[in-house]
C-alpha atoms as a PDB file:
ATOM      1  CA  MET A   1      15.574   0.577   8.242  1.00  0.00           C
ATOM      2  CA  LEU A   2      12.787   0.840   5.655  1.00  0.00           C
ATOM      3  CA  ALA A   3      13.260  -2.809   4.727  1.00  0.00           C
ATOM      4  CA  VAL A   4      12.777  -3.858   8.352  1.00  0.00           C
ATOM      5  CA  LEU A   5       9.633  -1.733   8.630  1.00  0.00           C
ATOM      6  CA  SER A   6       8.321  -3.152   5.356  1.00  0.00           C
ATOM      7  CA  ILE A   7       8.839  -6.746   6.488  1.00  0.00           C
ATOM      8  CA  ALA A   8       7.339  -6.062   9.914  1.00  0.00           C
ATOM      9  CA  GLY A   9       4.382  -4.250   8.320  1.00  0.00           C
ATOM     10  CA  CYS A  10       3.703  -7.094   5.903  1.00  0.00           C
ATOM     11  CA  ALA A  11       3.902  -9.672   8.674  1.00  0.00           C
ATOM     12  CA  GLY A  12       1.687  -7.684  11.031  1.00  0.00           C
ATOM     13  CA  ASN A  13      -0.941  -6.934   8.425  1.00  0.00           C
ATOM     14  CA  ALA A  14      -0.936 -10.542   7.224  1.00  0.00           C
ATOM     15  CA  LEU A  15      -1.623 -11.593  10.810  1.00  0.00           C
ATOM     16  CA  VAL A  16      -4.470  -9.086  11.108  1.00  0.00           C
ATOM     17  CA  LEU A  17      -5.936 -10.307   7.821  1.00  0.00           C
ATOM     18  CA  CYS A  18      -5.719 -13.951   8.920  1.00  0.00           C
ATOM     19  CA  VAL A  19      -7.422 -13.248  12.237  1.00  0.00           C
ATOM     20  CA  PHE A  20     -10.158 -10.908  11.026  1.00  0.00           C
ATOM     21  CA  THR A  21     -11.072 -12.748   7.811  1.00  0.00           C
ATOM     22  CA  ARG A  22     -11.762 -15.934   9.773  1.00  0.00           C
ATOM     23  CA  ARG A  23     -14.334 -14.171  11.936  1.00  0.00           C
ATOM     24  CA  LYS A  24     -17.871 -14.765  10.744  1.00  0.00           C
ATOM     25  CA  ASP A  25     -19.360 -11.472  11.905  1.00  0.00           C
ATOM     26  CA  SER A  26     -19.820  -8.738   9.330  1.00  0.00           C
ATOM     27  CA  LEU A  27     -19.664  -5.755  11.631  1.00  0.00           C
ATOM     28  CA  VAL A  28     -18.723  -2.406  10.187  1.00  0.00           C
ATOM     29  CA  SER A  29     -15.683  -2.272  12.448  1.00  0.00           C
ATOM     30  CA  THR A  30     -14.435  -5.649  11.176  1.00  0.00           C
ATOM     31  CA  VAL A  31     -14.805  -4.584   7.556  1.00  0.00           C
ATOM     32  CA  TYR A  32     -13.035  -1.310   8.365  1.00  0.00           C
ATOM     33  CA  ILE A  33     -10.109  -3.101  10.036  1.00  0.00           C
ATOM     34  CA  ILE A  34      -9.800  -5.544   7.130  1.00  0.00           C
ATOM     35  CA  SER A  35      -9.806  -2.737   4.550  1.00  0.00           C
ATOM     36  CA  LEU A  36      -7.173  -0.781   6.506  1.00  0.00           C
ATOM     37  CA  ALA A  37      -5.016  -3.908   6.784  1.00  0.00           C
ATOM     38  CA  VAL A  38      -5.308  -4.546   3.026  1.00  0.00           C
ATOM     39  CA  VAL A  39      -4.295  -0.981   2.148  1.00  0.00           C
ATOM     40  CA  ASP A  40      -1.423  -1.022   4.637  1.00  0.00           C
ATOM     41  CA  PHE A  41      -0.295  -4.457   3.409  1.00  0.00           C
ATOM     42  CA  ILE A  42      -0.206  -3.203  -0.191  1.00  0.00           C
ATOM     43  CA  THR A  43       1.686  -0.116   0.955  1.00  0.00           C
ATOM     44  CA  CYS A  44       4.295  -2.199   2.781  1.00  0.00           C
ATOM     45  CA  LEU A  45       4.533  -4.639  -0.120  1.00  0.00           C
ATOM     46  CA  VAL A  46       4.671  -2.135  -3.013  1.00  0.00           C
ATOM     47  CA  ILE A  47       5.380   1.426  -1.899  1.00  0.00           C
ATOM     48  CA  VAL A  48       8.175   0.866   0.596  1.00  0.00           C
ATOM     49  CA  PRO A  49      10.275  -1.301  -1.775  1.00  0.00           C
ATOM     50  CA  PHE A  50       9.775   1.272  -4.558  1.00  0.00           C
ATOM     51  CA  THR A  51      10.865   3.996  -2.134  1.00  0.00           C
ATOM     52  CA  ILE A  52      13.979   2.016  -1.245  1.00  0.00           C
ATOM     53  CA  TYR A  53      14.700   1.490  -4.938  1.00  0.00           C
ATOM     54  CA  MET A  54      14.223   5.176  -5.739  1.00  0.00           C
ATOM     55  CA  GLU A  55      16.489   6.279  -2.896  1.00  0.00           C
ATOM     56  CA  HIS A  56      19.274   4.052  -4.163  1.00  0.00           C
ATOM     57  CA  GLY A  57      18.582   4.797  -7.840  1.00  0.00           C
ATOM     58  CA  ASN A  58      18.841   8.597  -7.664  1.00  0.00           C
ATOM     59  CA  PHE A  59      15.046   8.996  -7.927  1.00  0.00           C
ATOM     60  CA  CYS A  60      15.057   8.046 -11.609  1.00  0.00           C
ATOM     61  CA  ILE A  61      12.129   6.149 -13.130  1.00  0.00           C
ATOM     62  CA  SER A  62      12.512   5.356 -16.810  1.00  0.00           C
ATOM     63  CA  SER A  63       8.951   4.210 -17.557  1.00  0.00           C
ATOM     64  CA  ASP A  64       5.929   6.525 -17.618  1.00  0.00           C
ATOM     65  CA  ALA A  65       3.608   3.674 -16.615  1.00  0.00           C
ATOM     66  CA  VAL A  66       5.682   2.849 -13.539  1.00  0.00           C
ATOM     67  CA  CYS A  67       5.806   6.537 -12.640  1.00  0.00           C
ATOM     68  CA  LYS A  68       2.013   6.869 -12.854  1.00  0.00           C
ATOM     69  CA  VAL A  69       1.345   3.709 -10.851  1.00  0.00           C
ATOM     70  CA  LEU A  70       3.843   4.766  -8.196  1.00  0.00           C
ATOM     71  CA  THR A  71       2.298   8.239  -8.031  1.00  0.00           C
ATOM     72  CA  VAL A  72      -1.156   6.740  -7.502  1.00  0.00           C
ATOM     73  CA  PHE A  73       0.051   4.466  -4.716  1.00  0.00           C
ATOM     74  CA  ILE A  74       2.167   7.094  -2.960  1.00  0.00           C
ATOM     75  CA  SER A  75      -0.135  10.093  -3.189  1.00  0.00           C
ATOM     76  CA  SER A  76      -3.460   8.447  -2.508  1.00  0.00           C
ATOM     77  CA  PRO A  77      -3.319   4.942  -1.046  1.00  0.00           C
ATOM     78  CA  LEU A  78      -6.666   5.356   0.714  1.00  0.00           C
ATOM     79  CA  LYS A  79      -8.477   6.796  -2.301  1.00  0.00           C
ATOM     80  CA  LEU A  80      -7.705   3.820  -4.519  1.00  0.00           C
ATOM     81  CA  PRO A  81      -9.961   1.303  -2.745  1.00  0.00           C
ATOM     82  CA  LEU A  82     -12.748   3.866  -2.497  1.00  0.00           C
ATOM     83  CA  HIS A  83     -12.707   4.471  -6.278  1.00  0.00           C
ATOM     84  CA  ASP A  84     -12.370   8.232  -5.971  1.00  0.00           C
ATOM     85  CA  PRO A  85     -11.188  10.046  -9.067  1.00  0.00           C
ATOM     86  CA  ILE A  86      -7.436  10.434  -9.026  1.00  0.00           C
ATOM     87  CA  GLU A  87      -5.559  12.937 -11.121  1.00  0.00           C
ATOM     88  CA  ILE A  88      -2.042  11.880 -12.027  1.00  0.00           C
ATOM     89  CA  HIS A  89       0.696  14.216 -13.150  1.00  0.00           C
ATOM     90  CA  CYS A  90       4.082  12.742 -13.860  1.00  0.00           C
ATOM     91  CA  TYR A  91       6.966  14.915 -14.960  1.00  0.00           C
END
């Protein structure tokens, strides 16, 4: 089910990005929609497949770097584009 949602999310957000990036107006609402579509596209492209992998792999991540990157994406996907400070704790 997650794979279907990931594929549908990627396709839908790609469509939104294609439509809204071709518009020549630079309204705040257009920029907001594009930034939301980018964050959601990255989430569907990166986070959902990692979640599927972790559910089938007994939630075991062998690399500290992968654990930290995954923690950043899962816990604060909206903070990353805004460059807010993010504290990462990986156990």
